[in-house]
Amino acid sequence: MALTHRQSSVSESPSRPSTPDFGRAIGFVAGGIGDQIYHLGQLRALAAACQTATIDIACIHPGPISRILAATPWVGRVVDARPLRRYKPWSRTSETVTALRHRRYDTAFFMHRSTSFKLAARTAGIPRRIGLADGFFDRMLLDTPLALTDGGAQREAWGHRPFIAAMDEYVIRSGLDLAPDIPTIIPDKNATRDARRLVASLPGPISVVNLFAVDEKRRWPVEAAIETIRQLAVGGGSFFLNAGSDAAEAHRQALACWHSACKADKRIRPDQLVDSLGAGAGMERDVALYHLADRYIGVDSFTANLAMNCNLPAVILFASVGDSLSYRSVTKPVTPEQPGDLGTISSGDVLAAVGDLGPRRTAAPEAHPLPV
């Protein structure tokens, strides 16, 4: 049964509606790359209710998002939403809006509070508009507004972004499955082959480690990170430094510090720490690596959200208790004694969190089914 076009809020009725039936749909996301992949579980569930079994995604980082999701079957087109920021239909004609109109979408979902995206979708003639409503104008532009105070028990999992839980609640009350135990991102077969070659000769467990973030308050100081890795490495295993190309200098410092640690402690070896920014680096291989690894240990950044969406058990270092997120996967948050200073996190706290993750993961990427 299709949802009605009457303006309504999910929280109005305690009854559980029938599973909706969408035709061709598009979901709008915004923020940083990590912020945009917050919503993959929601988008996948909504895709399952579309006649095409896919959903298009409008985002402001179309290049990276396209690469991350290149092998993910429930994703249709990735649309460049950058021209729609601060969109004003009365001031100019938009080629993007024209393209949206030509795609003949019948439903648009808004995982972001951006009024501009909603206005663009309405101008494009998309009849069914569902999403987060931040004020009177948003409610006027949506036929199913979701209050930012909605979400119920799901709000706790979203930490400093509790309003995102409103879309979780909409999905669940619509009879759809967020399938938190199944990865939202599927690795490319060729990239998986390359990643397997990369880890083939390395002893496990395999840990993906990130100490870098653009926001300095979210960075893990090199010396503190290397000391923690040293203590873990004494027990064996391999550790991949993983982040974007802007982390190259941080990785260089980390490797220099690691080699010094190896000279002082003969129980650890230089080859236990690997820089993933070397030959063959790329987001496609990173996705595959996150499916093959046993755990993620690192800062709250895009990489942490990638780990959660690949269902990689994760120890995540957050700048403060209020920043903590645990919306997918097995996650263990660690926070500093002094908010904003990850250098005040003790190695003992990180090691304890790693121990709490449980046994190493053994499932291969191919072992994860898609939700029905």
Protein backbone atom coordinates (compact mmCIF):
# COMPACT_ATOMS: atom_id res chain seq x y z
CA MET A 1 0.00 0.00 0.00
CA ALA A 2 1.41 3.37 -0.95
CA LEU A 3 1.77 6.12 1.61
CA THR A 4 -0.83 8.84 1.22
CA HIS A 5 0.14 12.30 0.08
CA ARG A 6 -1.62 13.86 3.05
CA GLN A 7 0.83 15.81 5.18
CA SER A 8 1.53 13.72 8.25
CA SER A 9 4.15 12.95 10.86
CA VAL A 10 5.20 9.40 11.68
CA SER A 11 4.72 10.12 15.36
CA GLU A 12 1.02 10.95 14.95
CA SER A 13 -0.20 7.36 15.09
CA PRO A 14 1.01 4.45 17.22
CA SER A 15 -0.13 1.94 14.61
CA ARG A 16 2.40 0.30 12.28
CA PRO A 17 1.64 1.15 8.63
CA SER A 18 1.85 -1.32 5.78
CA THR A 19 5.14 -1.49 3.93
CA PRO A 20 5.21 1.46 1.50
CA ASP A 21 5.53 1.05 -2.23
CA PHE A 22 7.75 3.65 -3.86
CA GLY A 23 8.42 3.96 -7.57
CA ARG A 24 11.63 5.76 -8.47
CA ALA A 25 13.17 7.45 -5.41
CA ILE A 26 16.10 9.66 -4.50
CA GLY A 27 17.66 10.36 -1.11
CA PHE A 28 19.35 13.67 -0.27
CA VAL A 29 22.32 13.68 2.13
CA ALA A 30 24.81 16.38 3.10
CA GLY A 31 27.72 17.20 5.40
CA GLY A 32 31.17 15.63 5.25
CA ILE A 33 31.75 12.26 3.59
CA GLY A 34 31.37 10.51 6.93
CA ASP A 35 28.15 12.41 7.61
CA GLN A 36 26.76 11.33 4.25
CA ILE A 37 27.36 7.62 4.83
CA TYR A 38 25.58 7.84 8.21
CA HIS A 39 22.43 7.22 6.23
CA LEU A 40 23.32 4.17 4.16
CA GLY A 41 21.32 1.78 6.34
CA GLN A 42 18.24 3.98 6.00
CA LEU A 43 18.71 4.39 2.25
CA ARG A 44 19.18 0.65 1.71
CA ALA A 45 15.97 -0.11 3.62
CA LEU A 46 14.06 2.45 1.54
CA ALA A 47 15.53 1.03 -1.68
CA ALA A 48 13.99 -2.31 -0.80
CA ALA A 49 10.54 -0.67 -0.98
CA CYS A 50 11.19 0.86 -4.41
CA GLN A 51 9.92 -0.77 -7.59
CA THR A 52 13.44 -0.51 -9.01
CA ALA A 53 14.98 -2.12 -5.85
CA THR A 54 17.47 0.77 -5.96
CA ILE A 55 17.59 4.35 -4.78
CA ASP A 56 19.52 7.29 -6.25
CA ILE A 57 21.62 9.36 -3.87
CA ALA A 58 22.06 13.14 -4.14
CA CYS A 59 25.16 14.25 -2.23
CA ILE A 60 27.80 16.97 -2.12
CA HIS A 61 30.82 14.66 -2.53
CA PRO A 62 29.69 12.69 -5.59
CA GLY A 63 33.18 11.55 -6.60
CA PRO A 64 34.18 9.79 -3.35
CA ILE A 65 30.66 8.52 -2.69
CA SER A 66 30.50 7.00 -6.19
CA ARG A 67 33.77 5.16 -5.59
CA ILE A 68 32.75 3.91 -2.15
CA LEU A 69 29.42 2.59 -3.43
CA ALA A 70 30.52 1.47 -6.91
CA ALA A 71 29.84 -2.23 -6.22
CA THR A 72 26.82 -1.79 -3.93
CA PRO A 73 23.78 -3.17 -5.79
CA TRP A 74 20.99 -1.23 -4.07
CA VAL A 75 22.51 2.14 -5.12
CA GLY A 76 21.29 3.63 -8.40
CA ARG A 77 22.77 6.90 -9.61
CA VAL A 78 24.91 9.23 -7.51
CA VAL A 79 23.74 12.78 -8.22
CA ASP A 80 25.85 15.91 -7.67
CA ALA A 81 23.82 18.03 -5.24
CA ARG A 82 26.40 20.79 -4.85
CA PRO A 83 24.55 23.18 -7.20
CA LEU A 84 21.46 22.85 -4.98
CA ARG A 85 23.05 24.35 -1.90
CA ARG A 86 21.39 27.68 -1.17
CA TYR A 87 19.07 27.03 -4.13
CA LYS A 88 16.60 29.84 -4.89
CA PRO A 89 14.17 29.04 -7.73
CA TRP A 90 13.23 32.69 -8.18
CA SER A 91 16.83 33.79 -8.84
CA ARG A 92 18.11 31.34 -11.46
CA THR A 93 17.38 28.24 -13.50
CA SER A 94 19.12 25.10 -12.30
CA GLU A 95 20.31 22.38 -14.68
CA THR A 96 20.32 19.98 -11.72
CA VAL A 97 16.65 20.67 -10.99
CA THR A 98 15.84 20.16 -14.66
CA ALA A 99 17.67 16.82 -14.59
CA LEU A 100 15.73 15.77 -11.48
CA ARG A 101 12.49 16.60 -13.26
CA HIS A 102 13.48 14.52 -16.29
CA ARG A 103 14.24 11.51 -14.04
CA ARG A 104 10.55 11.48 -13.01
CA TYR A 105 11.08 10.59 -9.39
CA ASP A 106 7.91 9.97 -7.43
CA THR A 107 9.57 10.14 -3.99
CA ALA A 108 12.36 12.13 -2.37
CA PHE A 109 13.81 11.49 1.08
CA PHE A 110 15.71 14.14 3.03
CA MET A 111 18.22 12.89 5.60
CA HIS A 112 19.45 16.45 6.14
CA ARG A 113 17.81 19.59 7.44
CA SER A 114 18.66 21.53 4.29
CA THR A 115 15.65 23.54 3.15
CA SER A 116 17.34 24.17 -0.21
CA PHE A 117 17.21 20.47 -1.13
CA LYS A 118 13.51 20.30 -0.29
CA LEU A 119 12.79 23.41 -2.30
CA ALA A 120 14.70 21.99 -5.28
CA ALA A 121 12.77 18.71 -5.11
CA ARG A 122 9.45 20.54 -4.98
CA THR A 123 10.47 22.71 -7.93
CA ALA A 124 11.46 19.53 -9.81
CA GLY A 125 7.92 18.25 -9.37
CA ILE A 126 8.71 15.29 -7.10
CA PRO A 127 5.26 14.64 -5.60
CA ARG A 128 6.13 12.69 -2.45
CA ARG A 129 8.65 14.40 -0.15
CA ILE A 130 9.59 12.80 3.17
CA GLY A 131 12.25 13.90 5.59
CA LEU A 132 13.61 15.87 8.50
CA ALA A 133 11.72 19.09 9.13
CA ASP A 134 13.50 22.02 10.73
CA GLY A 135 10.84 24.69 11.05
CA PHE A 136 7.60 25.88 9.47
CA PHE A 137 8.90 26.30 5.90
CA ASP A 138 10.30 22.75 5.87
CA ARG A 139 6.94 21.39 7.01
CA MET A 140 5.26 23.27 4.16
CA LEU A 141 7.66 21.71 1.63
CA LEU A 142 7.22 18.15 2.89
CA ASP A 143 4.12 16.01 2.71
CA THR A 144 5.56 13.72 5.43
CA PRO A 145 7.67 15.86 7.78
CA LEU A 146 9.68 14.05 10.45
CA ALA A 147 10.09 16.09 13.62
CA LEU A 148 13.66 16.51 14.84
CA THR A 149 12.47 15.32 18.26
CA ASP A 150 11.27 11.97 16.84
CA GLY A 151 13.31 8.78 17.03
CA GLY A 152 12.50 7.32 20.42
CA ALA A 153 15.06 4.84 21.70
CA GLN A 154 17.08 5.17 18.48
CA ARG A 155 18.19 8.68 19.48
CA GLU A 156 20.78 7.36 21.93
CA ALA A 157 22.70 5.58 19.15
CA TRP A 158 23.13 8.84 17.24
CA GLY A 159 24.98 10.72 19.98
CA HIS A 160 25.41 14.38 19.00
CA ARG A 161 23.10 13.92 15.98
CA PRO A 162 19.99 12.54 17.72
CA PHE A 163 17.62 14.01 15.13
CA ILE A 164 18.84 11.43 12.56
CA ALA A 165 16.92 8.84 14.58
CA ALA A 166 13.68 10.31 13.21
CA MET A 167 14.44 8.69 9.86
CA ASP A 168 15.31 5.41 11.59
CA GLU A 169 11.90 5.52 13.23
CA TYR A 170 10.18 6.24 9.93
CA VAL A 171 11.91 3.25 8.30
CA ILE A 172 11.06 0.88 11.15
CA ARG A 173 7.44 2.01 11.45
CA SER A 174 7.06 1.57 7.70
CA GLY A 175 7.76 -2.14 8.11
CA LEU A 176 11.25 -1.93 6.61
CA ASP A 177 14.45 -3.46 7.96
CA LEU A 178 17.57 -1.45 8.80
CA ALA A 179 19.44 -4.81 8.90
CA PRO A 180 22.22 -3.62 11.23
CA ASP A 181 24.01 -6.98 11.05
CA ILE A 182 24.54 -6.78 7.28
CA PRO A 183 27.11 -4.35 5.77
CA THR A 184 25.61 -1.53 3.74
CA ILE A 185 28.69 -1.26 1.50
CA ILE A 186 29.77 -4.12 -0.78
CA PRO A 187 33.42 -4.30 -1.92
CA ASP A 188 34.41 -4.44 -5.57
CA LYS A 189 35.67 -7.88 -6.62
CA ASN A 190 38.88 -6.57 -8.19
CA ALA A 191 39.59 -4.38 -5.17
CA THR A 192 38.96 -7.36 -2.89
CA ARG A 193 41.50 -9.38 -4.88
CA ASP A 194 44.04 -6.56 -4.47
CA ALA A 195 43.33 -6.25 -0.74
CA ARG A 196 43.71 -10.00 -0.27
CA ARG A 197 47.15 -9.82 -1.88
CA LEU A 198 48.02 -6.94 0.43
CA VAL A 199 47.22 -8.88 3.61
CA ALA A 200 48.09 -12.41 2.42
CA SER A 201 51.53 -12.60 4.01
CA LEU A 202 50.69 -10.64 7.14
CA PRO A 203 49.94 -12.26 10.49
CA GLY A 204 46.55 -11.59 12.04
CA PRO A 205 44.61 -10.17 13.57
CA ILE A 206 44.48 -7.34 11.05
CA SER A 207 43.75 -3.93 12.56
CA VAL A 208 42.90 -0.82 10.57
CA VAL A 209 44.21 2.21 12.46
CA ASN A 210 43.53 5.89 11.88
CA LEU A 211 45.08 8.64 13.96
CA PHE A 212 44.32 11.56 11.61
CA ALA A 213 41.30 13.84 11.23
CA VAL A 214 40.93 17.24 9.61
CA ASP A 215 39.63 18.61 12.92
CA GLU A 216 42.68 18.85 15.19
CA LYS A 217 40.58 18.10 18.28
CA ARG A 218 39.78 14.69 16.78
CA ARG A 219 43.40 13.70 16.06
CA TRP A 220 45.20 11.00 18.01
CA PRO A 221 48.70 12.32 18.81
CA VAL A 222 51.35 10.25 17.06
CA GLU A 223 53.30 9.32 20.19
CA ALA A 224 50.18 8.21 22.06
CA ALA A 225 48.91 6.21 19.09
CA ILE A 226 52.24 4.45 18.52
CA GLU A 227 52.55 3.53 22.19
CA THR A 228 49.10 1.92 22.08
CA ILE A 229 49.92 0.07 18.84
CA ARG A 230 53.21 -1.10 20.38
CA GLN A 231 51.43 -2.65 23.34
CA LEU A 232 48.95 -4.40 21.02
CA ALA A 233 51.70 -5.52 18.63
CA VAL A 234 53.59 -7.31 21.39
CA GLY A 235 50.79 -9.88 21.26
CA GLY A 236 51.10 -10.18 17.46
CA GLY A 237 49.06 -8.96 14.52
CA SER A 238 49.39 -6.37 11.78
CA PHE A 239 48.28 -2.74 11.72
CA PHE A 240 47.31 -0.66 8.69
CA LEU A 241 47.51 3.11 8.93
CA ASN A 242 44.50 4.19 6.90
CA ALA A 243 43.21 7.65 6.01
CA GLY A 244 43.03 10.00 3.05
CA SER A 245 45.98 11.51 1.23
CA ASP A 246 45.86 14.54 3.54
CA ALA A 247 47.18 12.24 6.29
CA ALA A 248 50.47 11.55 4.47
CA GLU A 249 52.59 13.66 6.82
CA ALA A 250 50.94 12.17 9.91
CA HIS A 251 51.67 8.69 8.52
CA ARG A 252 55.30 9.61 7.85
CA GLN A 253 55.68 10.77 11.46
CA ALA A 254 53.94 7.65 12.75
CA LEU A 255 56.22 5.32 10.80
CA ALA A 256 59.33 7.16 12.03
CA CYS A 257 58.08 6.89 15.60
CA TRP A 258 57.29 3.20 15.06
CA HIS A 259 60.77 2.39 13.79
CA SER A 260 62.21 4.07 16.88
CA ALA A 261 59.90 1.97 19.06
CA CYS A 262 61.04 -1.20 17.28
CA LYS A 263 64.68 -0.42 18.08
CA ALA A 264 63.80 -0.01 21.75
CA ASP A 265 61.48 -3.04 21.99
CA LYS A 266 62.70 -6.18 20.19
CA ARG A 267 59.34 -7.90 20.73
CA ILE A 268 57.82 -5.87 17.87
CA ARG A 269 58.81 -5.67 14.19
CA PRO A 270 58.90 -2.81 11.67
CA ASP A 271 56.71 -4.75 9.21
CA GLN A 272 53.83 -4.96 11.69
CA LEU A 273 52.84 -1.37 10.83
CA VAL A 274 51.86 -0.77 7.19
CA ASP A 275 51.00 2.52 5.47
CA SER A 276 47.96 1.97 3.22
CA LEU A 277 48.74 5.17 1.30
CA GLY A 278 51.35 3.39 -0.76
CA ALA A 279 51.02 1.86 -4.24
CA GLY A 280 47.50 0.81 -5.16
CA ALA A 281 45.86 3.02 -2.56
CA GLY A 282 42.28 4.07 -3.18
CA MET A 283 38.82 4.09 -1.67
CA GLU A 284 37.82 0.91 -3.49
CA ARG A 285 40.70 -1.01 -1.90
CA ASP A 286 39.99 0.60 1.47
CA VAL A 287 36.42 -0.71 1.36
CA ALA A 288 37.73 -4.20 0.61
CA LEU A 289 40.35 -3.93 3.36
CA TYR A 290 37.66 -3.00 5.90
CA HIS A 291 35.77 -6.16 4.95
CA LEU A 292 38.86 -8.33 5.37
CA ALA A 293 40.19 -6.78 8.59
CA ASP A 294 39.36 -7.93 12.10
CA ARG A 295 38.91 -4.54 13.77
CA TYR A 296 39.17 -0.78 13.47
CA ILE A 297 41.01 1.30 16.06
CA GLY A 298 41.00 5.02 15.47
CA VAL A 299 39.51 8.44 15.57
CA ASP A 300 35.99 9.64 14.87
CA SER A 301 36.23 10.46 11.17
CA PHE A 302 35.11 9.15 7.80
CA THR A 303 37.10 5.98 8.45
CA ALA A 304 35.13 5.22 11.62
CA ASN A 305 31.86 5.53 9.70
CA LEU A 306 33.28 3.37 6.92
CA ALA A 307 34.12 0.73 9.53
CA MET A 308 30.59 0.81 10.92
CA ASN A 309 29.03 0.49 7.47
CA CYS A 310 31.32 -2.44 6.62
CA ASN A 311 30.33 -3.98 9.98
CA LEU A 312 33.94 -3.97 11.10
CA PRO A 313 34.11 -4.12 14.93
CA ALA A 314 35.48 -0.77 16.00
CA VAL A 315 37.14 0.99 18.91
CA ILE A 316 36.46 4.66 18.20
CA LEU A 317 38.22 7.53 19.94
CA PHE A 318 35.76 10.40 20.36
CA ALA A 319 36.70 13.92 21.42
CA SER A 320 34.02 13.89 24.13
CA VAL A 321 31.29 11.67 25.57
CA GLY A 322 28.66 13.75 23.77
CA ASP A 323 30.22 12.99 20.37
CA SER A 324 29.85 9.21 20.67
CA LEU A 325 28.01 7.35 17.90
CA SER A 326 27.05 3.66 17.82
CA TYR A 327 24.43 3.43 15.09
CA ARG A 328 25.82 0.27 13.44
CA SER A 329 28.19 -2.62 13.99
CA VAL A 330 29.96 -3.51 17.23
CA THR A 331 31.48 -0.30 18.53
CA LYS A 332 33.35 0.54 21.72
CA PRO A 333 33.68 4.29 22.30
CA VAL A 334 36.70 5.66 24.19
CA THR A 335 36.81 9.29 25.34
CA PRO A 336 39.62 11.41 26.83
CA GLU A 337 39.92 12.66 30.39
CA GLN A 338 40.16 16.16 28.94
CA PRO A 339 37.50 16.68 26.24
CA GLY A 340 39.11 17.61 22.94
CA ASP A 341 42.52 16.13 23.82
CA LEU A 342 42.85 12.53 22.63
CA GLY A 343 46.37 12.53 24.05
CA THR A 344 44.80 12.11 27.49
CA ILE A 345 43.32 8.72 26.52
CA SER A 346 45.40 6.00 28.16
CA SER A 347 46.69 3.01 26.22
CA GLY A 348 45.06 0.87 28.89
CA ASP A 349 41.63 2.23 28.06
CA VAL A 350 42.10 1.47 24.36
CA LEU A 351 43.43 -2.03 25.03
CA ALA A 352 40.49 -2.75 27.32
CA ALA A 353 38.07 -1.63 24.61
CA VAL A 354 39.84 -3.84 22.05
CA GLY A 355 39.44 -6.77 24.43
CA ASP A 356 35.73 -6.01 24.76
CA LEU A 357 35.25 -6.39 20.99
CA GLY A 358 35.43 -10.13 21.43
CA PRO A 359 36.95 -12.73 19.07
CA ARG A 360 38.40 -11.71 15.73
CA ARG A 361 36.11 -11.53 12.74
CA THR A 362 36.46 -14.37 10.23
CA ALA A 363 33.60 -13.81 7.72
CA ALA A 364 34.70 -13.00 4.18
CA PRO A 365 32.95 -10.21 2.22
CA GLU A 366 31.08 -12.75 0.11
CA ALA A 367 29.53 -14.26 3.24
CA HIS A 368 27.31 -11.25 3.88
CA PRO A 369 23.86 -11.61 2.26
CA LEU A 370 21.78 -8.65 1.20
CA PRO A 371 18.56 -7.95 3.15
CA VAL A 372 15.36 -8.96 1.43
